[in-house]
């Protein structure tokens, strides 16, 4: 298998740093209720689902296991946390895994600067993170709105894409305050990579696990930490099912490499 090497000095390195420093406009709308936007969203999301089937099956060789576990969230909104290993595939994979429930994905505002696709991301369900207090209130309100619609909110807590990375990078409990705040079920989605008999790209096996629960008698912060730990432990265990490294990540910080 052809292997590439990528060097990093920190587990928070960003290999796709286009749009760095971009801030959302003050009048950005996280929820668009006019009929034109709603119609465009329905059409674009439908087309994206068809593209997802072709791209994920034929190009990324994706297999999804455990999607039936999401039935536990039938009739309610939920959160799905995943490891961030595909710059394009991570747009499509959760849409397939969560189907027929529609997804809304928390993204960096830098994604809104991407040529062409940046313009259609809002119609695909992107929820860009704001950098202002008023924006955060609107963002949180948008998350609550989608949950009330029984949709799925997808979060990549590692924040940055590391293509074909086969280990789980550390993440904070901050993204887990939302399921605690809104009392919604939590699942995780772990992409793993296996050798194929033919072809250079590995097989991508995506595992769905959950729902994870936190002790109701703990504080909100403690519950967020408990959910983070449960998701991180599960994803770490699943990541060990990878048996190949399409891209080798080498630690150049002076510490041991992965």
Protein backbone atom coordinates (compact mmCIF):
# COMPACT_ATOMS: atom_id res chain seq x y z
CA UNK A 1 0.00 0.00 0.00
CA UNK A 2 1.36 3.43 -0.95
CA UNK A 3 1.98 5.45 2.20
CA UNK A 4 2.42 9.16 2.72
CA UNK A 5 4.05 10.86 5.70
CA UNK A 6 2.72 13.88 7.56
CA UNK A 7 4.67 15.51 10.39
CA UNK A 8 3.13 17.36 13.31
CA UNK A 9 4.46 19.27 16.31
CA UNK A 10 1.17 19.39 18.22
CA UNK A 11 -1.98 17.26 18.30
CA UNK A 12 -3.90 20.46 17.56
CA UNK A 13 -2.04 21.22 14.30
CA UNK A 14 -4.28 22.30 11.43
CA UNK A 15 -3.31 20.91 8.02
CA UNK A 16 -6.14 22.84 6.33
CA UNK A 17 -5.76 26.39 7.60
CA UNK A 18 -7.41 28.30 4.76
CA UNK A 19 -9.71 31.09 5.94
CA UNK A 20 -7.82 31.46 9.21
CA UNK A 21 -9.08 34.43 11.19
CA UNK A 22 -12.38 34.64 9.31
CA UNK A 23 -15.34 35.87 11.38
CA UNK A 24 -18.99 35.43 10.53
CA UNK A 25 -20.86 38.61 9.54
CA UNK A 26 -22.94 40.16 12.31
CA UNK A 27 -26.18 39.48 10.41
CA UNK A 28 -25.42 35.77 9.81
CA UNK A 29 -28.54 33.60 10.11
CA UNK A 30 -28.11 30.09 11.53
CA UNK A 31 -31.77 29.28 10.84
CA UNK A 32 -33.27 30.43 7.56
CA UNK A 33 -37.05 30.20 7.50
CA UNK A 34 -37.92 31.87 4.19
CA UNK A 35 -39.40 29.50 1.62
CA UNK A 36 -36.59 30.01 -0.91
CA UNK A 37 -33.93 28.97 1.57
CA UNK A 38 -36.00 26.02 2.75
CA UNK A 39 -36.58 24.84 -0.83
CA UNK A 40 -32.91 25.21 -1.74
CA UNK A 41 -31.93 23.35 1.41
CA UNK A 42 -34.24 20.43 0.62
CA UNK A 43 -32.97 20.15 -2.97
CA UNK A 44 -29.27 20.57 -2.17
CA UNK A 45 -29.41 18.13 0.75
CA UNK A 46 -31.21 15.58 -1.43
CA UNK A 47 -28.58 15.88 -4.14
CA UNK A 48 -25.84 15.64 -1.50
CA UNK A 49 -27.29 12.35 -0.26
CA UNK A 50 -27.08 10.87 -3.76
CA UNK A 51 -23.50 12.12 -4.15
CA UNK A 52 -22.71 10.69 -0.72
CA UNK A 53 -23.76 7.20 -1.74
CA UNK A 54 -21.48 7.23 -4.79
CA UNK A 55 -18.53 9.02 -3.17
CA UNK A 56 -18.54 7.07 0.09
CA UNK A 57 -19.15 3.64 -1.42
CA UNK A 58 -16.99 3.82 -4.53
CA UNK A 59 -14.21 6.23 -3.57
CA UNK A 60 -13.82 5.97 0.20
CA UNK A 61 -15.02 2.34 0.37
CA UNK A 62 -17.14 3.10 3.43
CA UNK A 63 -18.98 0.47 5.44
CA UNK A 64 -21.19 1.59 8.33
CA UNK A 65 -21.75 -0.75 11.27
CA UNK A 66 -24.13 -0.22 14.17
CA UNK A 67 -26.38 2.39 12.55
CA UNK A 68 -29.36 0.57 14.07
CA UNK A 69 -28.26 1.90 17.48
CA UNK A 70 -29.47 5.33 16.39
CA UNK A 71 -33.02 3.97 16.63
CA UNK A 72 -32.72 4.76 20.32
CA UNK A 73 -33.06 8.42 19.25
CA UNK A 74 -36.16 7.85 17.17
CA UNK A 75 -38.62 10.63 17.82
CA UNK A 76 -36.08 12.94 19.42
CA UNK A 77 -33.04 15.02 18.52
CA UNK A 78 -29.58 13.66 19.26
CA UNK A 79 -25.85 14.35 19.10
CA UNK A 80 -23.26 12.32 17.19
CA UNK A 81 -19.54 12.86 17.86
CA UNK A 82 -16.97 11.62 15.35
CA UNK A 83 -13.23 11.49 14.71
CA UNK A 84 -12.27 13.98 11.99
CA UNK A 85 -10.41 11.99 9.31
CA UNK A 86 -11.94 12.95 5.95
CA UNK A 87 -12.01 16.54 4.61
CA UNK A 88 -14.90 15.75 2.24
CA UNK A 89 -16.17 12.43 3.51
CA UNK A 90 -16.97 13.84 6.94
CA UNK A 91 -19.65 15.93 5.26
CA UNK A 92 -21.29 12.86 3.75
CA UNK A 93 -20.64 9.90 6.07
CA UNK A 94 -22.86 11.05 8.97
CA UNK A 95 -25.65 11.87 6.52
CA UNK A 96 -25.63 8.23 5.40
CA UNK A 97 -25.19 6.85 8.91
CA UNK A 98 -28.07 8.88 10.35
CA UNK A 99 -30.48 8.52 7.42
CA UNK A 100 -33.45 9.10 7.41
CA UNK A 101 -32.78 11.59 10.22
CA UNK A 102 -31.32 14.77 8.78
CA UNK A 103 -28.02 16.05 10.15
CA UNK A 104 -26.76 19.53 11.05
CA UNK A 105 -22.99 19.74 11.48
CA UNK A 106 -21.02 22.12 13.68
CA UNK A 107 -18.18 23.55 11.57
CA UNK A 108 -15.39 26.09 11.75
CA UNK A 109 -16.35 29.46 10.23
CA UNK A 110 -13.25 29.10 8.01
CA UNK A 111 -15.22 26.51 6.02
CA UNK A 112 -17.55 29.26 4.86
CA UNK A 113 -14.69 30.78 2.83
CA UNK A 114 -14.18 27.66 0.69
CA UNK A 115 -14.75 28.27 -3.04
CA UNK A 116 -18.25 27.26 -4.19
CA UNK A 117 -18.98 24.80 -1.38
CA UNK A 118 -18.71 27.55 1.24
CA UNK A 119 -21.79 29.17 -0.30
CA UNK A 120 -23.91 26.03 -0.11
CA UNK A 121 -22.80 24.82 3.33
CA UNK A 122 -25.68 26.62 5.11
CA UNK A 123 -28.15 24.73 2.89
CA UNK A 124 -26.41 21.45 3.71
CA UNK A 125 -26.95 22.06 7.41
CA UNK A 126 -23.67 23.65 8.50
CA UNK A 127 -23.73 25.35 11.89
CA UNK A 128 -20.61 27.56 11.96
CA UNK A 129 -19.20 28.45 15.35
CA UNK A 130 -19.42 32.17 16.19
CA UNK A 131 -16.80 34.26 17.97
CA UNK A 132 -19.11 36.73 19.71
CA UNK A 133 -21.47 36.48 22.67
CA UNK A 134 -24.52 37.49 20.64
CA UNK A 135 -23.54 35.03 17.93
CA UNK A 136 -23.15 32.25 20.49
CA UNK A 137 -26.67 32.88 21.75
CA UNK A 138 -28.03 32.57 18.22
CA UNK A 139 -25.90 29.48 17.56
CA UNK A 140 -27.17 27.78 20.72
CA UNK A 141 -30.73 28.72 19.80
CA UNK A 142 -30.21 27.17 16.35
CA UNK A 143 -28.91 23.94 17.90
CA UNK A 144 -31.96 23.82 20.17
CA UNK A 145 -34.25 24.48 17.20
CA UNK A 146 -32.85 21.55 15.21
CA UNK A 147 -33.09 19.26 18.22
CA UNK A 148 -36.73 20.22 18.66
CA UNK A 149 -37.21 19.18 15.03
CA UNK A 150 -35.80 15.74 16.02
CA UNK A 151 -32.68 16.24 13.88
CA UNK A 152 -29.15 15.04 14.53
CA UNK A 153 -26.39 17.49 15.46
CA UNK A 154 -22.95 16.23 14.39
CA UNK A 155 -19.80 17.45 16.15
CA UNK A 156 -16.15 16.65 15.44
CA UNK A 157 -14.54 17.40 18.83
CA UNK A 158 -10.98 16.95 17.51
CA UNK A 159 -11.71 20.16 15.56
CA UNK A 160 -9.12 19.72 12.77
CA UNK A 161 -9.09 17.22 9.92
CA UNK A 162 -6.25 14.69 9.93
CA UNK A 163 -6.76 12.56 6.83
CA UNK A 164 -6.89 8.81 7.51
CA UNK A 165 -5.64 9.28 11.07
CA UNK A 166 -5.89 5.97 12.94
CA UNK A 167 -5.66 7.28 16.51
CA UNK A 168 -7.95 9.53 18.52
CA UNK A 169 -6.63 12.97 19.34
CA UNK A 170 -7.51 14.45 22.76
CA UNK A 171 -10.52 16.76 23.00
CA UNK A 172 -12.14 18.82 25.73
CA UNK A 173 -15.52 18.44 27.40
CA UNK A 174 -16.75 21.78 25.95
CA UNK A 175 -18.68 20.22 23.00
CA UNK A 176 -20.51 17.96 25.46
CA UNK A 177 -22.21 20.78 27.33
CA UNK A 178 -24.94 20.80 24.68
CA UNK A 179 -26.41 17.32 25.26
CA UNK A 180 -26.26 18.06 29.00
CA UNK A 181 -28.04 21.39 28.51
CA UNK A 182 -30.75 19.99 26.25
CA UNK A 183 -31.00 16.48 27.71
CA UNK A 184 -30.54 14.66 24.40
CA UNK A 185 -28.94 11.25 23.70
CA UNK A 186 -25.28 11.01 22.72
CA UNK A 187 -23.70 8.65 20.16
CA UNK A 188 -20.24 8.38 18.65
CA UNK A 189 -19.11 7.57 15.13
CA UNK A 190 -15.58 6.20 14.72
CA UNK A 191 -13.92 5.85 11.32
CA UNK A 192 -11.35 3.04 11.16
CA UNK A 193 -9.20 1.91 8.24
CA UNK A 194 -8.40 -1.59 6.98
CA UNK A 195 -6.28 -3.00 4.17
CA UNK A 196 -7.92 -3.89 0.88
CA UNK A 197 -6.80 -6.69 -1.40
CA UNK A 198 -6.84 -4.38 -4.40
CA UNK A 199 -6.26 -0.65 -4.66
CA UNK A 200 -4.19 1.78 -2.64
CA UNK A 201 -6.91 3.40 -0.56
CA UNK A 202 -7.96 1.47 2.53
CA UNK A 203 -11.43 0.33 3.43
CA UNK A 204 -13.18 2.70 5.83
CA UNK A 205 -15.29 0.97 8.46
CA UNK A 206 -17.38 3.39 10.51
CA UNK A 207 -18.76 2.20 13.85
CA UNK A 208 -21.77 3.76 15.56
CA UNK A 209 -21.94 3.37 19.35
CA UNK A 210 -24.23 4.60 22.10
CA UNK A 211 -26.34 6.03 23.49
CA UNK A 212 -24.08 7.24 26.29
CA UNK A 213 -25.58 8.59 29.49
CA UNK A 214 -24.30 10.69 32.38
CA UNK A 215 -25.28 10.42 36.03
CA UNK A 216 -28.23 12.71 36.67
CA UNK A 217 -27.07 13.50 40.22
CA UNK A 218 -23.84 15.13 39.00
CA UNK A 219 -23.31 18.79 38.13
CA UNK A 220 -23.62 19.90 34.50
CA UNK A 221 -19.84 20.19 34.18
CA UNK A 222 -19.33 16.74 35.68
CA UNK A 223 -21.87 15.26 33.31
CA UNK A 224 -20.14 16.87 30.32
CA UNK A 225 -16.81 15.41 31.47
CA UNK A 226 -18.40 12.00 31.99
CA UNK A 227 -19.86 12.02 28.47
CA UNK A 228 -16.54 13.17 27.02
CA UNK A 229 -14.70 10.37 28.78
CA UNK A 230 -17.22 7.73 27.69
CA UNK A 231 -17.12 8.85 24.05
CA UNK A 232 -13.32 9.20 24.00
CA UNK A 233 -12.81 5.76 25.56
CA UNK A 234 -15.19 4.13 23.09
CA UNK A 235 -13.65 5.85 20.07
CA UNK A 236 -10.14 4.96 21.26
CA UNK A 237 -11.12 1.31 21.59
CA UNK A 238 -12.74 1.29 18.14
CA UNK A 239 -9.70 3.00 16.58
CA UNK A 240 -7.63 -0.06 17.46
CA UNK A 241 -9.57 -1.94 14.76
CA UNK A 242 -7.55 -0.07 12.12
CA UNK A 243 -4.87 -2.33 10.65
CA UNK A 244 -3.16 0.01 8.18
CA UNK A 245 -1.87 3.56 7.96
CA UNK A 246 -2.54 5.18 4.61
CA UNK A 247 -0.93 8.34 6.01
CA UNK A 248 1.80 8.02 8.64
CA UNK A 249 1.68 10.76 11.27
CA UNK A 250 5.08 11.44 12.82
CA UNK A 251 5.48 13.47 16.00
CA UNK A 252 8.27 16.03 15.57
CA UNK A 253 7.80 17.68 18.96
CA UNK A 254 10.45 15.52 20.59
CA UNK A 255 7.90 13.16 22.10
CA UNK A 256 7.21 9.58 21.04
CA UNK A 257 5.38 9.29 17.72
CA UNK A 258 1.97 7.62 17.54
